[in-house]
Amino acid sequence: MKRLESKVAVVTGAGRGIGKGIAIKLADEGAKVLVADVIMDNAEATVAEIKARGGEAVAYQCNIANRTEVEDMFKFVEENLGPLYCLVNNAGINRDAMLHKMTMEQWDQVIAVNLTGTFHCTQVAAQLMRERETGRIINIASASWLGNIGQANYAASKAGVVGLTKTAARELARKGITANAICPGFIDTDMTRGVPEKVWDIMISKIPMGRAGKPEDVANLVAFLASEEAGYITGEVINVGGGMVL
C-alpha cells in the first residue's frame, strides 16, 4: 500500500526543479497530483513524466499571485480530482539585487508570488480542509529566510512564509490539519545551475556534506510530511541543506 494512495495533492511551481521532483514523488506514493505552474508547457512535461512512471496527474496553469486564478484552481481540483488532502506551496521567483539598488518592482514581484501567492493558496486550501478536519499544508521556504546578501526581497518573502506556516499550524491543529515548512539549502536545479562556476564552488564549500542537494532530497521529506506517519508533526521548520545551516 502506497503512503498517499488516492489522496489528492496540489503542488505549485511543479513545472521544473524542486516542484517537479515533489510532484513526481507524491505521484509515486499514489497521490493524484495537480501539477500547477505559470508555464503550461512545463506543467504538461511534468505530467508526462509522472504518467510514464504509472502515476496520475493533471496539468494546470495558474499564477498564484492572482487570487481569482487560485480560487478557480482549487475549484477545478475539487470537481475533477476529488477532495483536497495535501497542498505543497512551492512556487516562487527571485529578482536579486543589493538592497541599495533594489527597485520597487523587484520587491513587489517577489512578495506577490512568494508570500502573497502562498497566502492565497493556503487560505483557500485551509477552508476546504477545515470542512473535512484533515489535511497537510507543506510550504517550501528557503535557508535564505535567515538573510542572504542580494536577496532582501527573497529572504523577506521566505521569512514571511515561515511565519505564515507557524500561524497556520496553531490555528488548524484542532481541525486535524498540519502545516510545516521546509527550507532547502543549495539544491541542484536549473536556477542554481545558472550561477557562475566560481559562485557554485563557493556555495559547495559551505556545505559540510560537500555537494549540492537534489530535488529528490526535498521531495522525500515532503512525502513523509504528507503521510499519516507525520500526523503529529506541525509548525516545524526543517532544513534540507546537507548541514549548510546548523
C-alpha atoms as a PDB file:
ATOM      1  CA  MET A   1       0.000   0.000   0.000  1.00  0.00           C
ATOM      2  CA  LYS A   2       1.455   3.344  -1.037  1.00  0.00           C
ATOM      3  CA  ARG A   3       1.526   6.057   1.621  1.00  0.00           C
ATOM      4  CA  LEU A   4      -0.677   8.500  -0.300  1.00  0.00           C
ATOM      5  CA  GLU A   5      -2.900   6.092  -2.215  1.00  0.00           C
ATOM      6  CA  SER A   6      -5.717   8.057  -3.923  1.00  0.00           C
ATOM      7  CA  LYS A   7      -5.018  11.208  -1.884  1.00  0.00           C
ATOM      8  CA  VAL A   8      -5.366  14.466  -3.816  1.00  0.00           C
ATOM      9  CA  ALA A   9      -2.372  16.793  -3.785  1.00  0.00           C
ATOM     10  CA  VAL A  10      -1.692  20.185  -5.313  1.00  0.00           C
ATOM     11  CA  VAL A  11       1.894  21.192  -5.993  1.00  0.00           C
ATOM     12  CA  THR A  12       2.515  24.746  -7.187  1.00  0.00           C
ATOM     13  CA  GLY A  13       5.531  25.644  -9.293  1.00  0.00           C
ATOM     14  CA  ALA A  14       5.739  21.988 -10.289  1.00  0.00           C
ATOM     15  CA  GLY A  15       6.890  22.504 -13.856  1.00  0.00           C
ATOM     16  CA  ARG A  16      10.560  22.147 -13.039  1.00  0.00           C
ATOM     17  CA  GLY A  17      13.174  21.917 -10.306  1.00  0.00           C
ATOM     18  CA  ILE A  18      12.168  21.153  -6.739  1.00  0.00           C
ATOM     19  CA  GLY A  19       8.451  21.362  -7.527  1.00  0.00           C
ATOM     20  CA  LYS A  20       8.777  18.814 -10.311  1.00  0.00           C
ATOM     21  CA  GLY A  21      10.646  16.457  -8.010  1.00  0.00           C
ATOM     22  CA  ILE A  22       7.938  16.824  -5.371  1.00  0.00           C
ATOM     23  CA  ALA A  23       5.095  16.181  -7.817  1.00  0.00           C
ATOM     24  CA  ILE A  24       6.791  13.050  -9.142  1.00  0.00           C
ATOM     25  CA  LYS A  25       7.457  11.723  -5.640  1.00  0.00           C
ATOM     26  CA  LEU A  26       3.889  12.283  -4.435  1.00  0.00           C
ATOM     27  CA  ALA A  27       2.548  10.545  -7.546  1.00  0.00           C
ATOM     28  CA  ASP A  28       4.957   7.650  -6.938  1.00  0.00           C
ATOM     29  CA  GLU A  29       3.418   7.394  -3.465  1.00  0.00           C
ATOM     30  CA  GLY A  30      -0.047   7.019  -5.026  1.00  0.00           C
ATOM     31  CA  ALA A  31      -1.355  10.575  -4.884  1.00  0.00           C
ATOM     32  CA  LYS A  32      -3.463  12.154  -7.606  1.00  0.00           C
ATOM     33  CA  VAL A  33      -1.435  15.278  -8.302  1.00  0.00           C
ATOM     34  CA  LEU A  34      -2.455  18.606  -9.735  1.00  0.00           C
ATOM     35  CA  VAL A  35       0.737  19.921 -11.320  1.00  0.00           C
ATOM     36  CA  ALA A  36       0.336  23.683 -11.205  1.00  0.00           C
ATOM     37  CA  ASP A  37       2.684  26.103 -12.912  1.00  0.00           C
ATOM     38  CA  VAL A  38       2.546  29.525 -14.509  1.00  0.00           C
ATOM     39  CA  ILE A  39       4.001  27.955 -17.684  1.00  0.00           C
ATOM     40  CA  MET A  40       1.651  25.297 -19.043  1.00  0.00           C
ATOM     41  CA  ASP A  41       4.254  23.576 -21.209  1.00  0.00           C
ATOM     42  CA  ASN A  42       6.385  22.905 -18.126  1.00  0.00           C
ATOM     43  CA  ALA A  43       3.416  21.552 -16.186  1.00  0.00           C
ATOM     44  CA  GLU A  44       2.499  19.238 -19.048  1.00  0.00           C
ATOM     45  CA  ALA A  45       6.073  17.958 -19.252  1.00  0.00           C
ATOM     46  CA  THR A  46       5.979  17.023 -15.566  1.00  0.00           C
ATOM     47  CA  VAL A  47       2.635  15.288 -16.031  1.00  0.00           C
ATOM     48  CA  ALA A  48       4.000  13.308 -18.970  1.00  0.00           C
ATOM     49  CA  GLU A  49       6.874  12.086 -16.812  1.00  0.00           C
ATOM     50  CA  ILE A  50       4.522  11.115 -14.000  1.00  0.00           C
ATOM     51  CA  LYS A  51       2.249   9.189 -16.347  1.00  0.00           C
ATOM     52  CA  ALA A  52       5.251   7.409 -17.871  1.00  0.00           C
ATOM     53  CA  ARG A  53       6.014   6.132 -14.358  1.00  0.00           C
ATOM     54  CA  GLY A  54       2.443   4.899 -13.925  1.00  0.00           C
ATOM     55  CA  GLY A  55       1.219   7.800 -11.823  1.00  0.00           C
ATOM     56  CA  GLU A  56      -1.842  10.014 -12.037  1.00  0.00           C
ATOM     57  CA  ALA A  57      -1.550  13.757 -12.621  1.00  0.00           C
ATOM     58  CA  VAL A  58      -3.193  16.715 -14.319  1.00  0.00           C
ATOM     59  CA  ALA A  59      -1.512  19.889 -15.545  1.00  0.00           C
ATOM     60  CA  TYR A  60      -2.976  23.266 -14.631  1.00  0.00           C
ATOM     61  CA  GLN A  61      -1.819  26.786 -15.463  1.00  0.00           C
ATOM     62  CA  CYS A  62      -2.044  29.212 -12.566  1.00  0.00           C
ATOM     63  CA  ASN A  63      -0.432  32.443 -11.444  1.00  0.00           C
ATOM     64  CA  ILE A  64      -0.712  32.142  -7.668  1.00  0.00           C
ATOM     65  CA  ALA A  65      -0.322  35.895  -7.257  1.00  0.00           C
ATOM     66  CA  ASN A  66      -3.799  36.202  -8.808  1.00  0.00           C
ATOM     67  CA  ARG A  67      -6.500  35.377  -6.256  1.00  0.00           C
ATOM     68  CA  THR A  68      -9.166  34.569  -8.842  1.00  0.00           C
ATOM     69  CA  GLU A  69      -6.882  32.106 -10.616  1.00  0.00           C
ATOM     70  CA  VAL A  70      -6.118  30.402  -7.295  1.00  0.00           C
ATOM     71  CA  GLU A  71      -9.785  30.056  -6.394  1.00  0.00           C
ATOM     72  CA  ASP A  72     -10.531  28.653  -9.853  1.00  0.00           C
ATOM     73  CA  MET A  73      -7.683  26.165  -9.469  1.00  0.00           C
ATOM     74  CA  PHE A  74      -8.989  24.703  -6.235  1.00  0.00           C
ATOM     75  CA  LYS A  75     -12.500  24.559  -7.661  1.00  0.00           C
ATOM     76  CA  PHE A  76     -11.073  22.565 -10.569  1.00  0.00           C
ATOM     77  CA  VAL A  77      -9.323  20.221  -8.145  1.00  0.00           C
ATOM     78  CA  GLU A  78     -12.449  19.513  -6.140  1.00  0.00           C
ATOM     79  CA  GLU A  79     -14.565  18.932  -9.244  1.00  0.00           C
ATOM     80  CA  ASN A  80     -12.083  16.826 -11.214  1.00  0.00           C
ATOM     81  CA  LEU A  81      -9.710  15.073  -8.812  1.00  0.00           C
ATOM     82  CA  GLY A  82     -11.609  14.862  -5.549  1.00  0.00           C
ATOM     83  CA  PRO A  83     -11.333  16.245  -2.012  1.00  0.00           C
ATOM     84  CA  LEU A  84      -8.102  18.138  -1.448  1.00  0.00           C
ATOM     85  CA  TYR A  85      -5.791  16.478   1.065  1.00  0.00           C
ATOM     86  CA  CYS A  86      -2.336  17.984   0.555  1.00  0.00           C
ATOM     87  CA  LEU A  87      -1.096  21.386  -0.594  1.00  0.00           C
ATOM     88  CA  VAL A  88       2.561  21.980  -1.358  1.00  0.00           C
ATOM     89  CA  ASN A  89       3.308  25.683  -1.777  1.00  0.00           C
ATOM     90  CA  ASN A  90       6.465  25.539  -3.843  1.00  0.00           C
ATOM     91  CA  ALA A  91       6.026  28.249  -6.489  1.00  0.00           C
ATOM     92  CA  GLY A  92       8.480  31.088  -6.136  1.00  0.00           C
ATOM     93  CA  ILE A  93      10.617  33.556  -8.044  1.00  0.00           C
ATOM     94  CA  ASN A  94      13.754  35.555  -7.373  1.00  0.00           C
ATOM     95  CA  ARG A  95      14.686  39.041  -8.524  1.00  0.00           C
ATOM     96  CA  ASP A  96      18.045  39.505  -6.844  1.00  0.00           C
ATOM     97  CA  ALA A  97      19.704  42.853  -6.248  1.00  0.00           C
ATOM     98  CA  MET A  98      21.675  44.536  -3.499  1.00  0.00           C
ATOM     99  CA  LEU A  99      19.462  46.346  -1.012  1.00  0.00           C
ATOM    100  CA  HIS A 100      20.535  49.838  -2.067  1.00  0.00           C
ATOM    101  CA  LYS A 101      19.881  49.035  -5.730  1.00  0.00           C
ATOM    102  CA  MET A 102      16.663  47.002  -5.473  1.00  0.00           C
ATOM    103  CA  THR A 103      13.713  48.509  -7.319  1.00  0.00           C
ATOM    104  CA  MET A 104      10.165  48.550  -6.030  1.00  0.00           C
ATOM    105  CA  GLU A 105       9.217  46.380  -8.997  1.00  0.00           C
ATOM    106  CA  GLN A 106      11.724  43.722  -7.932  1.00  0.00           C
ATOM    107  CA  TRP A 107      10.433  43.865  -4.359  1.00  0.00           C
ATOM    108  CA  ASP A 108       6.762  43.752  -5.306  1.00  0.00           C
ATOM    109  CA  GLN A 109       7.141  40.894  -7.814  1.00  0.00           C
ATOM    110  CA  VAL A 110       8.836  38.589  -5.318  1.00  0.00           C
ATOM    111  CA  ILE A 111       6.498  39.383  -2.430  1.00  0.00           C
ATOM    112  CA  ALA A 112       3.446  38.961  -4.690  1.00  0.00           C
ATOM    113  CA  VAL A 113       4.387  35.433  -5.726  1.00  0.00           C
ATOM    114  CA  ASN A 114       6.408  34.022  -2.840  1.00  0.00           C
ATOM    115  CA  LEU A 115       4.420  35.378   0.084  1.00  0.00           C
ATOM    116  CA  THR A 116       1.035  36.661  -1.087  1.00  0.00           C
ATOM    117  CA  GLY A 117       0.679  33.750  -3.515  1.00  0.00           C
ATOM    118  CA  THR A 118       1.450  31.282  -0.739  1.00  0.00           C
ATOM    119  CA  PHE A 119      -1.157  33.015   1.416  1.00  0.00           C
ATOM    120  CA  HIS A 120      -3.767  32.795  -1.352  1.00  0.00           C
ATOM    121  CA  CYS A 121      -3.266  29.050  -1.760  1.00  0.00           C
ATOM    122  CA  THR A 122      -3.022  28.363   1.957  1.00  0.00           C
ATOM    123  CA  GLN A 123      -6.185  30.255   2.811  1.00  0.00           C
ATOM    124  CA  VAL A 124      -8.327  28.641   0.118  1.00  0.00           C
ATOM    125  CA  ALA A 125      -6.951  25.171   0.854  1.00  0.00           C
ATOM    126  CA  ALA A 126      -7.459  25.612   4.597  1.00  0.00           C
ATOM    127  CA  GLN A 127     -11.096  26.486   4.077  1.00  0.00           C
ATOM    128  CA  LEU A 128     -11.595  23.191   2.246  1.00  0.00           C
ATOM    129  CA  MET A 129      -9.562  21.145   4.718  1.00  0.00           C
ATOM    130  CA  ARG A 130     -11.352  22.560   7.767  1.00  0.00           C
ATOM    131  CA  GLU A 131     -14.649  21.181   6.500  1.00  0.00           C
ATOM    132  CA  ARG A 132     -13.183  17.639   6.474  1.00  0.00           C
ATOM    133  CA  GLU A 133     -10.942  18.031   9.530  1.00  0.00           C
ATOM    134  CA  THR A 134      -7.909  16.582   7.794  1.00  0.00           C
ATOM    135  CA  GLY A 135      -5.137  17.837   5.560  1.00  0.00           C
ATOM    136  CA  ARG A 136      -1.487  18.645   5.044  1.00  0.00           C
ATOM    137  CA  ILE A 137      -0.010  22.044   4.183  1.00  0.00           C
ATOM    138  CA  ILE A 138       3.673  21.983   3.292  1.00  0.00           C
ATOM    139  CA  ASN A 139       5.392  25.239   2.450  1.00  0.00           C
ATOM    140  CA  ILE A 140       8.722  25.387   0.665  1.00  0.00           C
ATOM    141  CA  ALA A 141      10.597  28.253   2.290  1.00  0.00           C
ATOM    142  CA  SER A 142      14.383  28.607   1.985  1.00  0.00           C
ATOM    143  CA  ALA A 143      17.547  28.700   4.041  1.00  0.00           C
ATOM    144  CA  SER A 144      17.694  32.302   2.779  1.00  0.00           C
ATOM    145  CA  TRP A 145      14.961  33.295   5.242  1.00  0.00           C
ATOM    146  CA  LEU A 146      17.791  33.857   7.711  1.00  0.00           C
ATOM    147  CA  GLY A 147      19.126  36.584   5.422  1.00  0.00           C
ATOM    148  CA  ASN A 148      21.224  36.451   2.272  1.00  0.00           C
ATOM    149  CA  ILE A 149      23.286  39.107   0.501  1.00  0.00           C
ATOM    150  CA  GLY A 150      21.497  40.417  -2.579  1.00  0.00           C
ATOM    151  CA  GLN A 151      18.175  38.836  -1.619  1.00  0.00           C
ATOM    152  CA  ALA A 152      16.362  41.270   0.672  1.00  0.00           C
ATOM    153  CA  ASN A 153      13.075  40.640  -1.161  1.00  0.00           C
ATOM    154  CA  TYR A 154      13.504  36.865  -1.380  1.00  0.00           C
ATOM    155  CA  ALA A 155      14.659  36.495   2.228  1.00  0.00           C
ATOM    156  CA  ALA A 156      11.801  38.649   3.494  1.00  0.00           C
ATOM    157  CA  SER A 157       9.268  36.659   1.486  1.00  0.00           C
ATOM    158  CA  LYS A 158      10.556  33.336   2.808  1.00  0.00           C
ATOM    159  CA  ALA A 159      10.695  34.612   6.387  1.00  0.00           C
ATOM    160  CA  GLY A 160       7.070  35.579   5.890  1.00  0.00           C
ATOM    161  CA  VAL A 161       6.292  32.058   4.685  1.00  0.00           C
ATOM    162  CA  VAL A 162       7.807  30.680   7.900  1.00  0.00           C
ATOM    163  CA  GLY A 163       5.624  32.994   9.995  1.00  0.00           C
ATOM    164  CA  LEU A 164       2.553  32.086   7.952  1.00  0.00           C
ATOM    165  CA  THR A 165       3.307  28.391   8.404  1.00  0.00           C
ATOM    166  CA  LYS A 166       3.594  28.613  12.178  1.00  0.00           C
ATOM    167  CA  THR A 167       0.395  30.643  12.435  1.00  0.00           C
ATOM    168  CA  ALA A 168      -1.482  28.186  10.228  1.00  0.00           C
ATOM    169  CA  ALA A 169      -0.205  25.330  12.381  1.00  0.00           C
ATOM    170  CA  ARG A 170      -1.561  26.945  15.546  1.00  0.00           C
ATOM    171  CA  GLU A 171      -4.926  27.772  14.011  1.00  0.00           C
ATOM    172  CA  LEU A 172      -5.546  24.492  12.193  1.00  0.00           C
ATOM    173  CA  ALA A 173      -4.197  21.887  14.600  1.00  0.00           C
ATOM    174  CA  ARG A 174      -7.551  21.293  16.289  1.00  0.00           C
ATOM    175  CA  LYS A 175      -9.019  20.529  12.895  1.00  0.00           C
ATOM    176  CA  GLY A 176      -6.530  17.740  12.287  1.00  0.00           C
ATOM    177  CA  ILE A 177      -4.564  19.782   9.744  1.00  0.00           C
ATOM    178  CA  THR A 178      -0.793  20.086   9.897  1.00  0.00           C
ATOM    179  CA  ALA A 179       1.336  22.892   8.481  1.00  0.00           C
ATOM    180  CA  ASN A 180       5.102  22.651   8.142  1.00  0.00           C
ATOM    181  CA  ALA A 181       7.839  24.493   6.286  1.00  0.00           C
ATOM    182  CA  ILE A 182      10.855  23.038   4.528  1.00  0.00           C
ATOM    183  CA  CYS A 183      13.939  25.180   3.973  1.00  0.00           C
ATOM    184  CA  PRO A 184      16.030  23.816   1.106  1.00  0.00           C
ATOM    185  CA  GLY A 185      19.651  24.812   1.026  1.00  0.00           C
ATOM    186  CA  PHE A 186      21.693  24.821  -2.173  1.00  0.00           C
ATOM    187  CA  ILE A 187      19.790  22.475  -4.489  1.00  0.00           C
ATOM    188  CA  ASP A 188      20.933  21.498  -7.988  1.00  0.00           C
ATOM    189  CA  THR A 189      18.219  22.928 -10.271  1.00  0.00           C
ATOM    190  CA  ASP A 190      18.012  24.966 -13.466  1.00  0.00           C
ATOM    191  CA  MET A 191      18.003  28.108 -11.337  1.00  0.00           C
ATOM    192  CA  THR A 192      21.182  27.315  -9.400  1.00  0.00           C
ATOM    193  CA  ARG A 193      22.922  25.944 -12.486  1.00  0.00           C
ATOM    194  CA  GLY A 194      22.761  29.487 -13.838  1.00  0.00           C
ATOM    195  CA  VAL A 195      25.265  30.822 -11.289  1.00  0.00           C
ATOM    196  CA  PRO A 196      28.921  31.294 -12.301  1.00  0.00           C
ATOM    197  CA  GLU A 197      31.224  28.338 -11.657  1.00  0.00           C
ATOM    198  CA  LYS A 198      33.163  30.315  -9.051  1.00  0.00           C
ATOM    199  CA  VAL A 199      29.976  31.036  -7.099  1.00  0.00           C
ATOM    200  CA  TRP A 200      28.962  27.375  -7.379  1.00  0.00           C
ATOM    201  CA  ASP A 201      32.265  26.283  -5.875  1.00  0.00           C
ATOM    202  CA  ILE A 202      31.946  28.786  -3.037  1.00  0.00           C
ATOM    203  CA  MET A 203      28.449  27.502  -2.213  1.00  0.00           C
ATOM    204  CA  ILE A 204      29.578  23.882  -2.205  1.00  0.00           C
ATOM    205  CA  SER A 205      32.470  24.786   0.103  1.00  0.00           C
ATOM    206  CA  LYS A 206      29.933  25.959   2.692  1.00  0.00           C
ATOM    207  CA  ILE A 207      28.110  22.613   2.769  1.00  0.00           C
ATOM    208  CA  PRO A 208      29.506  20.054   5.248  1.00  0.00           C
ATOM    209  CA  MET A 209      28.282  17.167   3.081  1.00  0.00           C
ATOM    210  CA  GLY A 210      30.286  18.559   0.186  1.00  0.00           C
ATOM    211  CA  ARG A 211      27.632  18.528  -2.516  1.00  0.00           C
ATOM    212  CA  ALA A 212      24.540  20.320  -3.725  1.00  0.00           C
ATOM    213  CA  GLY A 213      21.240  18.775  -2.838  1.00  0.00           C
ATOM    214  CA  LYS A 214      18.868  17.171  -5.321  1.00  0.00           C
ATOM    215  CA  PRO A 215      15.159  17.888  -5.766  1.00  0.00           C
ATOM    216  CA  GLU A 216      14.581  14.333  -4.551  1.00  0.00           C
ATOM    217  CA  ASP A 217      16.155  15.232  -1.191  1.00  0.00           C
ATOM    218  CA  VAL A 218      13.380  17.757  -0.630  1.00  0.00           C
ATOM    219  CA  ALA A 219      10.692  15.591  -2.204  1.00  0.00           C
ATOM    220  CA  ASN A 220      11.380  12.693   0.144  1.00  0.00           C
ATOM    221  CA  LEU A 221      10.688  14.905   3.160  1.00  0.00           C
ATOM    222  CA  VAL A 222       7.532  16.294   1.562  1.00  0.00           C
ATOM    223  CA  ALA A 223       6.218  12.768   1.028  1.00  0.00           C
ATOM    224  CA  PHE A 224       6.811  11.946   4.693  1.00  0.00           C
ATOM    225  CA  LEU A 225       5.169  15.130   5.972  1.00  0.00           C
ATOM    226  CA  ALA A 226       2.183  14.445   3.704  1.00  0.00           C
ATOM    227  CA  SER A 227       1.737  10.938   5.082  1.00  0.00           C
ATOM    228  CA  GLU A 228      -0.286   9.669   8.022  1.00  0.00           C
ATOM    229  CA  GLU A 229       3.012   8.913   9.749  1.00  0.00           C
ATOM    230  CA  ALA A 230       3.616  12.643  10.204  1.00  0.00           C
ATOM    231  CA  GLY A 231       0.206  13.364  11.705  1.00  0.00           C
ATOM    232  CA  TYR A 232       1.652  14.672  14.983  1.00  0.00           C
ATOM    233  CA  ILE A 233       4.243  16.973  13.404  1.00  0.00           C
ATOM    234  CA  THR A 234       3.150  20.557  12.844  1.00  0.00           C
ATOM    235  CA  GLY A 235       4.585  24.062  12.944  1.00  0.00           C
ATOM    236  CA  GLU A 236       8.093  22.811  12.210  1.00  0.00           C
ATOM    237  CA  VAL A 237      10.755  24.450  10.044  1.00  0.00           C
ATOM    238  CA  ILE A 238      13.041  21.757   8.669  1.00  0.00           C
ATOM    239  CA  ASN A 239      16.296  22.399   6.825  1.00  0.00           C
ATOM    240  CA  VAL A 240      17.291  20.229   3.886  1.00  0.00           C
ATOM    241  CA  GLY A 241      20.738  21.528   3.171  1.00  0.00           C
ATOM    242  CA  GLY A 242      23.434  18.976   3.901  1.00  0.00           C
ATOM    243  CA  GLY A 243      24.363  20.827   7.079  1.00  0.00           C
ATOM    244  CA  MET A 244      24.708  24.252   5.446  1.00  0.00           C
ATOM    245  CA  VAL A 245      22.515  25.737   8.190  1.00  0.00           C
ATOM    246  CA  LEU A 246      23.384  24.450  11.653  1.00  0.00           C
END
